[in-house]
Every structure is written in C-alpha cells, then in structure tokens.
N, C-alpha and C. Protein backbone atom coordinates (compact mmCIF):
# COMPACT_ATOMS: atom_id res chain seq x y z
N MET A 1 21.05 25.31 -53.87
CA MET A 1 19.84 25.62 -53.14
C MET A 1 19.15 24.36 -52.67
N ALA A 2 19.08 23.35 -53.54
CA ALA A 2 18.42 22.10 -53.16
C ALA A 2 19.17 21.41 -52.05
N ASN A 3 20.50 21.52 -52.05
CA ASN A 3 21.30 20.89 -51.01
C ASN A 3 21.03 21.51 -49.65
N SER A 4 20.99 22.84 -49.56
CA SER A 4 20.73 23.49 -48.27
C SER A 4 19.29 23.22 -47.82
N ALA A 5 18.36 23.15 -48.76
CA ALA A 5 16.98 22.84 -48.42
C ALA A 5 16.88 21.42 -47.85
N THR A 6 17.62 20.51 -48.42
CA THR A 6 17.62 19.13 -47.93
C THR A 6 18.19 19.07 -46.52
N VAL A 7 19.25 19.82 -46.27
CA VAL A 7 19.86 19.84 -44.94
C VAL A 7 18.88 20.44 -43.93
N VAL A 8 18.23 21.54 -44.28
CA VAL A 8 17.25 22.16 -43.38
C VAL A 8 16.12 21.18 -43.08
N CYS A 9 15.64 20.52 -44.11
CA CYS A 9 14.56 19.54 -43.93
C CYS A 9 15.00 18.41 -43.01
N ALA A 10 16.21 17.90 -43.23
CA ALA A 10 16.73 16.80 -42.41
C ALA A 10 16.86 17.23 -40.95
N VAL A 11 17.34 18.46 -40.72
CA VAL A 11 17.47 18.97 -39.35
C VAL A 11 16.09 19.08 -38.69
N LEU A 12 15.10 19.61 -39.43
CA LEU A 12 13.75 19.72 -38.89
C LEU A 12 13.20 18.35 -38.51
N VAL A 13 13.37 17.39 -39.37
CA VAL A 13 12.88 16.03 -39.11
C VAL A 13 13.56 15.45 -37.89
N MET A 14 14.87 15.62 -37.78
CA MET A 14 15.60 15.06 -36.64
C MET A 14 15.19 15.74 -35.33
N CYS A 15 14.88 17.04 -35.40
CA CYS A 15 14.43 17.74 -34.19
C CYS A 15 13.06 17.25 -33.73
N MET A 16 12.26 16.78 -34.68
CA MET A 16 10.92 16.33 -34.34
C MET A 16 10.89 14.91 -33.79
N VAL A 17 11.94 14.14 -34.04
CA VAL A 17 11.95 12.76 -33.58
C VAL A 17 12.27 12.78 -32.09
N VAL A 18 11.24 12.73 -31.31
CA VAL A 18 11.35 12.76 -29.86
C VAL A 18 11.02 11.37 -29.35
N PRO A 19 11.82 10.86 -28.43
CA PRO A 19 11.47 9.54 -27.92
C PRO A 19 10.10 9.59 -27.26
N SER A 20 9.16 8.95 -27.88
CA SER A 20 7.80 8.97 -27.37
C SER A 20 7.15 7.64 -27.64
N SER A 21 6.54 7.11 -26.63
CA SER A 21 5.83 5.85 -26.82
C SER A 21 4.33 6.07 -26.73
N ALA A 22 3.91 7.35 -26.78
CA ALA A 22 2.48 7.64 -26.70
C ALA A 22 1.77 7.02 -27.89
N THR A 23 0.66 6.41 -27.61
CA THR A 23 -0.12 5.73 -28.65
C THR A 23 -1.55 6.24 -28.61
N VAL A 24 -2.13 6.38 -29.79
CA VAL A 24 -3.54 6.76 -29.90
C VAL A 24 -4.32 5.49 -30.23
N TYR A 25 -5.22 5.11 -29.34
CA TYR A 25 -6.04 3.90 -29.53
C TYR A 25 -7.44 4.30 -29.96
N THR A 26 -7.92 3.70 -31.03
CA THR A 26 -9.30 3.90 -31.46
C THR A 26 -10.13 2.82 -30.77
N VAL A 27 -10.96 3.22 -29.82
CA VAL A 27 -11.74 2.28 -29.03
C VAL A 27 -12.66 1.46 -29.94
N GLY A 28 -12.54 0.14 -29.82
CA GLY A 28 -13.35 -0.76 -30.63
C GLY A 28 -12.86 -0.90 -32.06
N ASP A 29 -11.70 -0.31 -32.37
CA ASP A 29 -11.14 -0.31 -33.73
C ASP A 29 -12.20 0.19 -34.71
N THR A 30 -12.44 -0.52 -35.80
CA THR A 30 -13.37 -0.03 -36.82
C THR A 30 -14.83 -0.09 -36.36
N ALA A 31 -15.14 -0.93 -35.38
CA ALA A 31 -16.52 -1.02 -34.88
C ALA A 31 -16.89 0.19 -34.04
N GLY A 32 -15.89 0.85 -33.45
CA GLY A 32 -16.13 2.05 -32.66
C GLY A 32 -16.78 1.77 -31.32
N TRP A 33 -17.33 2.84 -30.75
CA TRP A 33 -18.01 2.82 -29.45
C TRP A 33 -19.49 2.61 -29.74
N ALA A 34 -19.94 1.37 -29.61
CA ALA A 34 -21.31 1.02 -30.00
C ALA A 34 -21.79 -0.18 -29.21
N MET A 35 -23.08 -0.38 -29.23
CA MET A 35 -23.68 -1.55 -28.58
C MET A 35 -23.23 -2.81 -29.32
N GLY A 36 -23.11 -3.90 -28.58
CA GLY A 36 -22.79 -5.18 -29.19
C GLY A 36 -21.31 -5.47 -29.35
N ASN A 37 -20.44 -4.58 -28.88
CA ASN A 37 -19.00 -4.82 -28.96
C ASN A 37 -18.50 -5.39 -27.64
N ASP A 38 -17.46 -6.20 -27.72
CA ASP A 38 -16.85 -6.78 -26.53
C ASP A 38 -15.58 -6.00 -26.22
N TYR A 39 -15.68 -5.03 -25.32
CA TYR A 39 -14.54 -4.19 -25.01
C TYR A 39 -13.51 -4.90 -24.12
N THR A 40 -13.91 -5.97 -23.46
CA THR A 40 -12.95 -6.78 -22.72
C THR A 40 -11.97 -7.42 -23.70
N THR A 41 -12.48 -7.96 -24.78
CA THR A 41 -11.62 -8.54 -25.81
C THR A 41 -10.78 -7.45 -26.47
N TRP A 42 -11.37 -6.29 -26.70
CA TRP A 42 -10.64 -5.20 -27.35
C TRP A 42 -9.43 -4.78 -26.53
N THR A 43 -9.55 -4.72 -25.20
CA THR A 43 -8.43 -4.28 -24.37
C THR A 43 -7.37 -5.36 -24.19
N SER A 44 -7.73 -6.63 -24.37
CA SER A 44 -6.75 -7.68 -24.12
C SER A 44 -5.58 -7.55 -25.09
N GLY A 45 -4.39 -7.66 -24.55
CA GLY A 45 -3.18 -7.54 -25.35
C GLY A 45 -2.69 -6.13 -25.53
N LYS A 46 -3.42 -5.15 -25.05
CA LYS A 46 -3.01 -3.76 -25.17
C LYS A 46 -2.44 -3.29 -23.83
N SER A 47 -1.39 -2.49 -23.91
CA SER A 47 -0.80 -1.88 -22.72
C SER A 47 -1.00 -0.37 -22.83
N PHE A 48 -1.69 0.19 -21.87
CA PHE A 48 -1.98 1.63 -21.87
C PHE A 48 -1.04 2.31 -20.89
N ALA A 49 -0.55 3.50 -21.28
CA ALA A 49 0.39 4.23 -20.43
C ALA A 49 -0.01 5.70 -20.40
N VAL A 50 0.45 6.38 -19.35
CA VAL A 50 0.23 7.82 -19.25
C VAL A 50 0.79 8.46 -20.52
N GLY A 51 0.00 9.34 -21.12
CA GLY A 51 0.38 9.99 -22.37
C GLY A 51 -0.37 9.43 -23.57
N ASP A 52 -0.87 8.20 -23.46
CA ASP A 52 -1.67 7.61 -24.53
C ASP A 52 -3.03 8.31 -24.59
N SER A 53 -3.73 8.11 -25.70
CA SER A 53 -5.07 8.68 -25.86
C SER A 53 -6.03 7.61 -26.34
N LEU A 54 -7.29 7.76 -25.94
CA LEU A 54 -8.37 6.91 -26.42
C LEU A 54 -9.27 7.77 -27.30
N VAL A 55 -9.58 7.29 -28.50
CA VAL A 55 -10.50 7.99 -29.38
C VAL A 55 -11.76 7.15 -29.49
N PHE A 56 -12.89 7.73 -29.09
CA PHE A 56 -14.18 7.07 -29.15
C PHE A 56 -14.92 7.60 -30.37
N ASN A 57 -15.21 6.73 -31.34
CA ASN A 57 -16.01 7.11 -32.51
C ASN A 57 -17.39 6.48 -32.36
N TYR A 58 -18.44 7.29 -32.48
CA TYR A 58 -19.79 6.77 -32.26
C TYR A 58 -20.81 7.65 -32.97
N GLY A 59 -21.97 7.07 -33.20
CA GLY A 59 -23.07 7.80 -33.80
C GLY A 59 -23.89 8.49 -32.72
N GLY A 60 -24.92 9.19 -33.14
CA GLY A 60 -25.80 9.85 -32.19
C GLY A 60 -26.45 8.84 -31.25
N GLY A 61 -26.87 9.33 -30.11
CA GLY A 61 -27.54 8.46 -29.16
C GLY A 61 -26.61 7.75 -28.21
N HIS A 62 -25.33 8.17 -28.16
CA HIS A 62 -24.38 7.58 -27.22
C HIS A 62 -23.62 8.71 -26.52
N THR A 63 -22.97 8.35 -25.41
CA THR A 63 -22.10 9.28 -24.71
C THR A 63 -20.83 8.55 -24.31
N VAL A 64 -19.83 9.31 -23.92
CA VAL A 64 -18.63 8.76 -23.30
C VAL A 64 -18.52 9.45 -21.96
N ASP A 65 -18.72 8.69 -20.89
CA ASP A 65 -18.65 9.23 -19.53
C ASP A 65 -17.55 8.51 -18.77
N GLU A 66 -16.63 9.28 -18.19
CA GLU A 66 -15.66 8.67 -17.29
C GLU A 66 -16.31 8.65 -15.91
N VAL A 67 -16.27 7.49 -15.27
CA VAL A 67 -16.96 7.30 -14.00
C VAL A 67 -16.04 6.62 -12.98
N SER A 68 -16.50 6.57 -11.76
CA SER A 68 -15.76 5.87 -10.70
C SER A 68 -15.88 4.36 -10.90
N GLY A 69 -15.04 3.62 -10.21
CA GLY A 69 -15.09 2.16 -10.30
C GLY A 69 -16.42 1.60 -9.84
N SER A 70 -16.99 2.17 -8.77
CA SER A 70 -18.27 1.64 -8.29
C SER A 70 -19.40 1.97 -9.26
N ASP A 71 -19.38 3.17 -9.86
CA ASP A 71 -20.41 3.50 -10.86
C ASP A 71 -20.25 2.64 -12.10
N TYR A 72 -19.02 2.29 -12.45
CA TYR A 72 -18.77 1.38 -13.57
C TYR A 72 -19.37 0.01 -13.28
N ASN A 73 -19.09 -0.50 -12.08
CA ASN A 73 -19.58 -1.84 -11.70
C ASN A 73 -21.09 -1.93 -11.71
N THR A 74 -21.76 -0.86 -11.28
CA THR A 74 -23.22 -0.88 -11.16
C THR A 74 -23.93 -0.17 -12.32
N CYS A 75 -23.14 0.36 -13.26
CA CYS A 75 -23.70 1.13 -14.39
C CYS A 75 -24.57 2.29 -13.91
N THR A 76 -24.09 2.97 -12.88
CA THR A 76 -24.80 4.12 -12.34
C THR A 76 -24.49 5.35 -13.19
N ILE A 77 -25.54 6.02 -13.64
CA ILE A 77 -25.35 7.24 -14.43
C ILE A 77 -25.69 8.46 -13.58
N GLY A 78 -25.16 9.60 -13.97
CA GLY A 78 -25.46 10.84 -13.26
C GLY A 78 -24.34 11.33 -12.36
N ASN A 79 -23.30 10.53 -12.16
CA ASN A 79 -22.19 10.93 -11.29
C ASN A 79 -20.89 11.03 -12.07
N SER A 80 -20.95 11.31 -13.35
CA SER A 80 -19.77 11.27 -14.21
C SER A 80 -18.69 12.26 -13.79
N VAL A 81 -17.45 11.83 -13.92
CA VAL A 81 -16.30 12.71 -13.73
C VAL A 81 -16.22 13.65 -14.93
N THR A 82 -16.37 13.09 -16.14
CA THR A 82 -16.45 13.86 -17.37
C THR A 82 -17.51 13.20 -18.26
N SER A 83 -18.05 13.97 -19.17
CA SER A 83 -19.06 13.43 -20.09
C SER A 83 -18.97 14.16 -21.42
N ASP A 84 -19.13 13.41 -22.51
CA ASP A 84 -19.12 14.01 -23.83
C ASP A 84 -20.07 13.23 -24.73
N GLN A 85 -20.69 13.94 -25.66
CA GLN A 85 -21.58 13.28 -26.60
C GLN A 85 -21.36 13.77 -28.03
N SER A 86 -20.16 14.33 -28.28
CA SER A 86 -19.87 14.87 -29.61
C SER A 86 -18.73 14.08 -30.25
N SER A 87 -19.09 13.01 -30.92
CA SER A 87 -18.11 12.14 -31.55
C SER A 87 -17.31 12.89 -32.61
N PRO A 88 -16.03 12.61 -32.73
CA PRO A 88 -15.25 11.70 -31.93
C PRO A 88 -14.81 12.36 -30.62
N THR A 89 -14.75 11.56 -29.57
CA THR A 89 -14.31 12.03 -28.27
C THR A 89 -12.91 11.48 -28.02
N THR A 90 -11.97 12.36 -27.73
CA THR A 90 -10.60 11.94 -27.43
C THR A 90 -10.33 12.16 -25.95
N ILE A 91 -9.90 11.11 -25.30
CA ILE A 91 -9.57 11.16 -23.88
C ILE A 91 -8.07 10.95 -23.74
N SER A 92 -7.38 11.92 -23.16
CA SER A 92 -5.95 11.77 -22.88
C SER A 92 -5.80 11.07 -21.54
N LEU A 93 -5.02 10.02 -21.52
CA LEU A 93 -4.77 9.29 -20.28
C LEU A 93 -3.62 9.97 -19.55
N LYS A 94 -3.98 10.83 -18.58
CA LYS A 94 -3.00 11.70 -17.93
C LYS A 94 -2.48 11.15 -16.61
N THR A 95 -3.20 10.17 -16.04
CA THR A 95 -2.78 9.63 -14.75
C THR A 95 -2.77 8.11 -14.78
N ALA A 96 -1.88 7.54 -13.99
CA ALA A 96 -1.82 6.07 -13.87
C ALA A 96 -3.01 5.60 -13.04
N GLY A 97 -3.35 4.34 -13.21
CA GLY A 97 -4.47 3.75 -12.48
C GLY A 97 -5.52 3.26 -13.45
N THR A 98 -6.61 2.75 -12.93
CA THR A 98 -7.67 2.25 -13.80
C THR A 98 -8.66 3.36 -14.09
N HIS A 99 -8.96 3.52 -15.37
CA HIS A 99 -9.93 4.52 -15.82
C HIS A 99 -11.15 3.78 -16.35
N TYR A 100 -12.33 4.27 -15.96
CA TYR A 100 -13.59 3.60 -16.29
C TYR A 100 -14.45 4.49 -17.17
N PHE A 101 -14.99 3.92 -18.24
CA PHE A 101 -15.84 4.66 -19.18
C PHE A 101 -17.11 3.89 -19.44
N ILE A 102 -18.23 4.61 -19.52
CA ILE A 102 -19.51 3.98 -19.84
C ILE A 102 -20.27 4.88 -20.83
N CYS A 103 -21.26 4.31 -21.48
CA CYS A 103 -22.25 5.10 -22.20
C CYS A 103 -23.37 5.32 -21.20
N ALA A 104 -23.72 6.60 -20.99
CA ALA A 104 -24.71 6.94 -19.96
C ALA A 104 -26.15 6.91 -20.46
N VAL A 105 -26.36 6.45 -21.68
CA VAL A 105 -27.73 6.30 -22.16
C VAL A 105 -28.32 5.09 -21.42
N PRO A 106 -29.49 5.25 -20.79
CA PRO A 106 -30.06 4.15 -20.01
C PRO A 106 -30.08 2.83 -20.80
N GLY A 107 -29.53 1.79 -20.15
CA GLY A 107 -29.52 0.44 -20.72
C GLY A 107 -28.28 0.12 -21.53
N HIS A 108 -27.54 1.12 -21.97
CA HIS A 108 -26.37 0.84 -22.81
C HIS A 108 -25.22 0.23 -22.01
N CYS A 109 -24.90 0.79 -20.86
CA CYS A 109 -23.83 0.25 -20.02
C CYS A 109 -24.13 -1.18 -19.62
N SER A 110 -25.34 -1.42 -19.15
CA SER A 110 -25.69 -2.78 -18.71
C SER A 110 -25.72 -3.77 -19.87
N SER A 111 -25.76 -3.25 -21.11
CA SER A 111 -25.69 -4.11 -22.29
C SER A 111 -24.26 -4.28 -22.79
N GLY A 112 -23.30 -3.77 -22.02
CA GLY A 112 -21.89 -3.99 -22.36
C GLY A 112 -21.12 -2.80 -22.87
N MET A 113 -21.76 -1.63 -22.97
CA MET A 113 -21.07 -0.46 -23.48
C MET A 113 -20.32 0.21 -22.34
N LYS A 114 -19.23 -0.45 -21.92
CA LYS A 114 -18.41 0.01 -20.82
C LYS A 114 -16.99 -0.46 -21.06
N LEU A 115 -16.05 0.33 -20.60
CA LEU A 115 -14.64 0.06 -20.86
C LEU A 115 -13.83 0.42 -19.62
N ALA A 116 -12.96 -0.49 -19.21
CA ALA A 116 -12.02 -0.22 -18.12
C ALA A 116 -10.61 -0.42 -18.68
N VAL A 117 -9.75 0.58 -18.49
CA VAL A 117 -8.37 0.47 -18.94
C VAL A 117 -7.43 0.76 -17.78
N LYS A 118 -6.45 -0.12 -17.61
CA LYS A 118 -5.44 0.07 -16.58
C LYS A 118 -4.27 0.81 -17.22
N VAL A 119 -3.98 1.99 -16.68
CA VAL A 119 -2.96 2.86 -17.24
C VAL A 119 -1.72 2.83 -16.37
N ALA A 120 -0.59 2.49 -16.99
CA ALA A 120 0.69 2.45 -16.28
C ALA A 120 1.39 3.79 -16.45
N THR A 121 2.38 4.05 -15.61
CA THR A 121 3.16 5.27 -15.78
C THR A 121 3.92 5.17 -17.09
N ALA A 122 4.17 6.29 -17.72
CA ALA A 122 4.86 6.30 -19.01
C ALA A 122 6.23 5.65 -18.86
N GLY A 123 6.57 4.82 -19.82
CA GLY A 123 7.88 4.18 -19.82
C GLY A 123 7.95 2.89 -19.04
N SER A 124 6.94 2.58 -18.24
CA SER A 124 6.99 1.32 -17.50
C SER A 124 6.59 0.18 -18.42
N SER A 125 7.08 -0.99 -18.12
CA SER A 125 6.72 -2.15 -18.96
C SER A 125 5.75 -3.01 -18.18
N THR A 126 4.50 -2.61 -18.24
CA THR A 126 3.44 -3.33 -17.55
C THR A 126 2.80 -4.30 -18.51
N PRO A 127 2.41 -5.47 -18.03
CA PRO A 127 1.70 -6.39 -18.91
C PRO A 127 0.39 -5.78 -19.39
N PRO A 128 -0.14 -6.27 -20.51
CA PRO A 128 -1.39 -5.73 -21.02
C PRO A 128 -2.51 -5.91 -20.02
N SER A 129 -3.49 -5.00 -20.12
CA SER A 129 -4.63 -5.10 -19.20
C SER A 129 -5.83 -5.64 -19.92
N SER A 130 -6.73 -6.18 -19.16
CA SER A 130 -8.01 -6.58 -19.73
C SER A 130 -9.09 -6.20 -18.74
N SER A 131 -10.22 -5.76 -19.28
CA SER A 131 -11.31 -5.39 -18.39
C SER A 131 -12.39 -6.44 -18.51
N SER A 132 -13.01 -6.74 -17.41
CA SER A 132 -14.09 -7.72 -17.46
C SER A 132 -15.40 -7.01 -17.21
N GLY A 133 -16.46 -7.62 -17.57
CA GLY A 133 -17.78 -7.05 -17.39
C GLY A 133 -18.10 -6.77 -15.93
N SER A 134 -17.41 -7.43 -15.02
CA SER A 134 -17.69 -7.22 -13.60
C SER A 134 -17.00 -5.98 -13.08
N GLY A 135 -16.14 -5.37 -13.93
CA GLY A 135 -15.48 -4.15 -13.51
C GLY A 135 -14.13 -4.38 -12.90
N THR A 136 -13.71 -5.64 -12.75
CA THR A 136 -12.39 -5.88 -12.22
C THR A 136 -11.41 -5.85 -13.37
N THR A 137 -10.21 -5.39 -13.08
CA THR A 137 -9.18 -5.34 -14.09
C THR A 137 -8.07 -6.28 -13.67
N THR A 138 -7.67 -7.15 -14.57
CA THR A 138 -6.63 -8.10 -14.25
C THR A 138 -5.48 -7.95 -15.22
N ASN A 139 -4.29 -8.24 -14.77
CA ASN A 139 -3.13 -8.22 -15.64
C ASN A 139 -2.85 -9.63 -16.10
N THR A 140 -2.50 -9.78 -17.37
CA THR A 140 -2.08 -11.08 -17.85
C THR A 140 -0.61 -11.23 -17.55
N THR A 141 -0.07 -12.41 -17.70
CA THR A 141 1.33 -12.62 -17.38
C THR A 141 2.21 -12.66 -18.62
N THR A 142 1.66 -12.43 -19.77
CA THR A 142 2.45 -12.45 -20.99
C THR A 142 3.15 -11.11 -21.16
N PRO A 143 4.49 -11.10 -21.18
CA PRO A 143 5.18 -9.82 -21.36
C PRO A 143 5.04 -9.34 -22.80
N THR A 144 4.86 -8.04 -22.95
CA THR A 144 4.75 -7.47 -24.29
C THR A 144 5.54 -6.18 -24.34
N SER A 145 5.89 -5.78 -25.53
CA SER A 145 6.52 -4.48 -25.69
C SER A 145 5.46 -3.51 -26.15
N ARG A 146 5.71 -2.21 -25.92
CA ARG A 146 4.76 -1.19 -26.35
C ARG A 146 4.95 -0.97 -27.84
N SER A 147 3.99 -1.42 -28.60
CA SER A 147 4.06 -1.21 -30.03
C SER A 147 2.67 -0.88 -30.53
N SER A 148 2.63 -0.30 -31.71
CA SER A 148 1.34 0.03 -32.29
C SER A 148 0.62 -1.24 -32.66
N SER A 149 -0.66 -1.25 -32.42
CA SER A 149 -1.47 -2.39 -32.80
C SER A 149 -2.61 -1.88 -33.66
N SER A 150 -3.47 -2.76 -34.06
CA SER A 150 -4.58 -2.37 -34.92
C SER A 150 -5.33 -1.21 -34.28
N GLY A 151 -5.54 -0.16 -35.04
CA GLY A 151 -6.27 0.98 -34.54
C GLY A 151 -5.42 1.96 -33.74
N ALA A 152 -4.09 1.78 -33.73
CA ALA A 152 -3.24 2.65 -32.96
C ALA A 152 -2.16 3.27 -33.85
N VAL A 153 -1.97 4.59 -33.73
CA VAL A 153 -0.96 5.29 -34.50
C VAL A 153 -0.21 6.19 -33.54
N SER A 154 1.10 6.13 -33.57
CA SER A 154 1.92 7.00 -32.73
C SER A 154 1.84 8.42 -33.26
N PRO A 155 1.50 9.39 -32.40
CA PRO A 155 1.44 10.78 -32.85
C PRO A 155 2.76 11.27 -33.42
N SER A 156 3.88 10.86 -32.84
CA SER A 156 5.17 11.31 -33.36
C SER A 156 5.43 10.73 -34.74
N MET A 157 4.99 9.51 -35.00
CA MET A 157 5.16 8.93 -36.34
C MET A 157 4.30 9.66 -37.36
N ALA A 158 3.09 10.04 -36.97
CA ALA A 158 2.22 10.78 -37.89
C ALA A 158 2.84 12.13 -38.22
N LEU A 159 3.39 12.80 -37.24
CA LEU A 159 4.03 14.09 -37.46
C LEU A 159 5.27 13.94 -38.33
N LEU A 160 6.08 12.94 -38.05
CA LEU A 160 7.28 12.69 -38.82
C LEU A 160 6.93 12.41 -40.29
N THR A 161 5.94 11.58 -40.51
CA THR A 161 5.51 11.26 -41.88
C THR A 161 5.03 12.51 -42.61
N THR A 162 4.29 13.35 -41.92
CA THR A 162 3.80 14.59 -42.52
C THR A 162 4.96 15.49 -42.93
N TRP A 163 5.95 15.65 -42.05
CA TRP A 163 7.10 16.50 -42.37
C TRP A 163 7.92 15.94 -43.51
N VAL A 164 8.15 14.67 -43.53
CA VAL A 164 8.93 14.07 -44.61
C VAL A 164 8.21 14.27 -45.93
N THR A 165 6.90 14.05 -45.94
CA THR A 165 6.11 14.25 -47.16
C THR A 165 6.18 15.71 -47.61
N PHE A 166 6.04 16.61 -46.66
CA PHE A 166 6.13 18.04 -46.97
C PHE A 166 7.47 18.37 -47.59
N CYS A 167 8.55 17.94 -46.96
CA CYS A 167 9.89 18.24 -47.45
C CYS A 167 10.12 17.66 -48.84
N LEU A 168 9.69 16.44 -49.04
CA LEU A 168 9.88 15.81 -50.35
C LEU A 168 9.13 16.55 -51.44
N ARG A 169 7.91 16.98 -51.14
CA ARG A 169 7.13 17.69 -52.17
C ARG A 169 7.61 19.13 -52.37
N PHE A 170 7.96 19.80 -51.30
CA PHE A 170 8.34 21.21 -51.38
C PHE A 170 9.72 21.40 -52.00
N PHE A 171 10.65 20.54 -51.62
CA PHE A 171 12.03 20.72 -52.06
C PHE A 171 12.40 19.87 -53.27
N SER A 172 11.43 19.20 -53.88
CA SER A 172 11.74 18.38 -55.06
C SER A 172 11.64 19.20 -56.32
C-alpha cells in the first residue's frame, strides 16, 4: 500500500511541475508599501515579466492605484486605471510594457510613494528595470537570469513544496 501511495504521490508532484518562471514580488520587501521607501532602489536588479505578480503590503491610510505614465510623472490622482485600499493588494502583471503605481493619498506620491515597473513578455530575457522618481524607466546593461530574489517566491515552488509535505505526512 505504501509503495502505490508513493507512486501516486510522485506522479501528482511531477504533473504539478510546470515550467513557469512566474515570480511573486513583495513590493518594498519587508518595509512594504509605505512612505520613506526608495522604490527605485527596490526595482533595480529585478526583471519583471508577464505572469509575475506584485504584492503591496500596507497599513491604513494608503492606496495602490495603477495610473498612466503622465499621471505617474505629475502625481495626478483621480484618473486611476485601478485602485485598491485593502491590504494586501496583489496585482497580476498581465501585459508587457511599463506599469505605473502610486499612492493616491494627497502628498504621498510626491513624497516618493510611486513605483514604475517595466514588464517584459514571459520568457524573454530582458535586463532588469529601474524606475526613477522622474517617471522614466531605464534598462541597465547587466544581463541577469530570472531567479527568485529577496521577497520573491515562485508560485509553482510553493505549490510543489505543499504537495511534497502533504505526501510525506499523509503516506508516512
């Protein structure tokens, strides 16, 4: 019985291992989405791709608004593409291009609570992006591979770990 259970578990695990480079990024790492953080530094060295997700963790009194590039540059509020104020906010990066996020509480964006991420098509090897306070996004010339970094966990790895743990506990 234990042998067949082990085989079933192994087959389930192998079926779940799907080639996926999707990464979940926690914006600001442990500092979260808050005043006083340098999100330009946070994005440097990271490569974002279609399929990745951004998780914004924040306390009351903040929002996560996706805005146009011009609204990002001028910190204009009221024209948001999307808006959320219920932390944690998870944004799936579904399209390539630069995505702009601000806190729409008056004064927060102009104090640096803004984030621009350049999203590449899934599977492309684009250099990491960095956002500047001026709203321009530049690519660095250092080639990198897509790997998990601080504050990032691959959803497929989390699922795989959960299944392996389940199988080990259930069939032991």
